[in-house]
Amino acid sequence: MKIKSFLLAGVFIVLSLFFAAPMNAKAANFTIDKYEVNMKVTKDNTYQIKEHIEVNFKSKSHGIYRDIPLVNDVKREDGSSNRIVARVENLDCGDEEYESSREGNNLHVRLGDEDVEITGKYEYNISYNYVMGNDVLPNEDEFYFNVIGTKAFVKENKGRYECGGYI
């Protein structure tokens, strides 16, 4: 039987950094009023993720972007480390027009229509499977996920993270 180890401290640190993220507000024409992430972890090391983002555009905009990290450098308390390369499958942005491309170590998702300008409150729903591949530790299941990526696009007001599934 595998020993279960969860690196939730890293997740909470990432969340804390995001909630207090000092980003140049002058560069952003919107605020994130709500950012919710719901994740189910499956036995095959796939994370089924649903994100709900409520944005308030201060001026005309075509949409937002979401960078999903594909390369994860995991450093453990015992000093060991691994580089885990994930892949995103079944990306779905509902009725929202979107484009996705690999940019560096991220999947860059641009949400919005270049022919449509929006102002005020707007909601985005993104779902995808985040496939981590086989466990790298022989006797452990390891959970690692950077909830909001490495770039917080703007300081937001409310966030919620929920995780369940295989334990």
Foldseek 3Di string as FASTA:
>chain_A
DFDEDEPCVVQVVLVVCQQVPDDDVVVAQKAWAEWEWEWAAEPQRKIKIKIKTKMAGNDWDFFDKAWAFQWDWDADPVGDIDIWGKDKPDKDWDPWDWDWDDDPRTIMITTGDPVDIDHGIDMIMIIIMIHRGDDPDPRYDYDDGHRRDDDNPHNYDYYYYHYYYDD
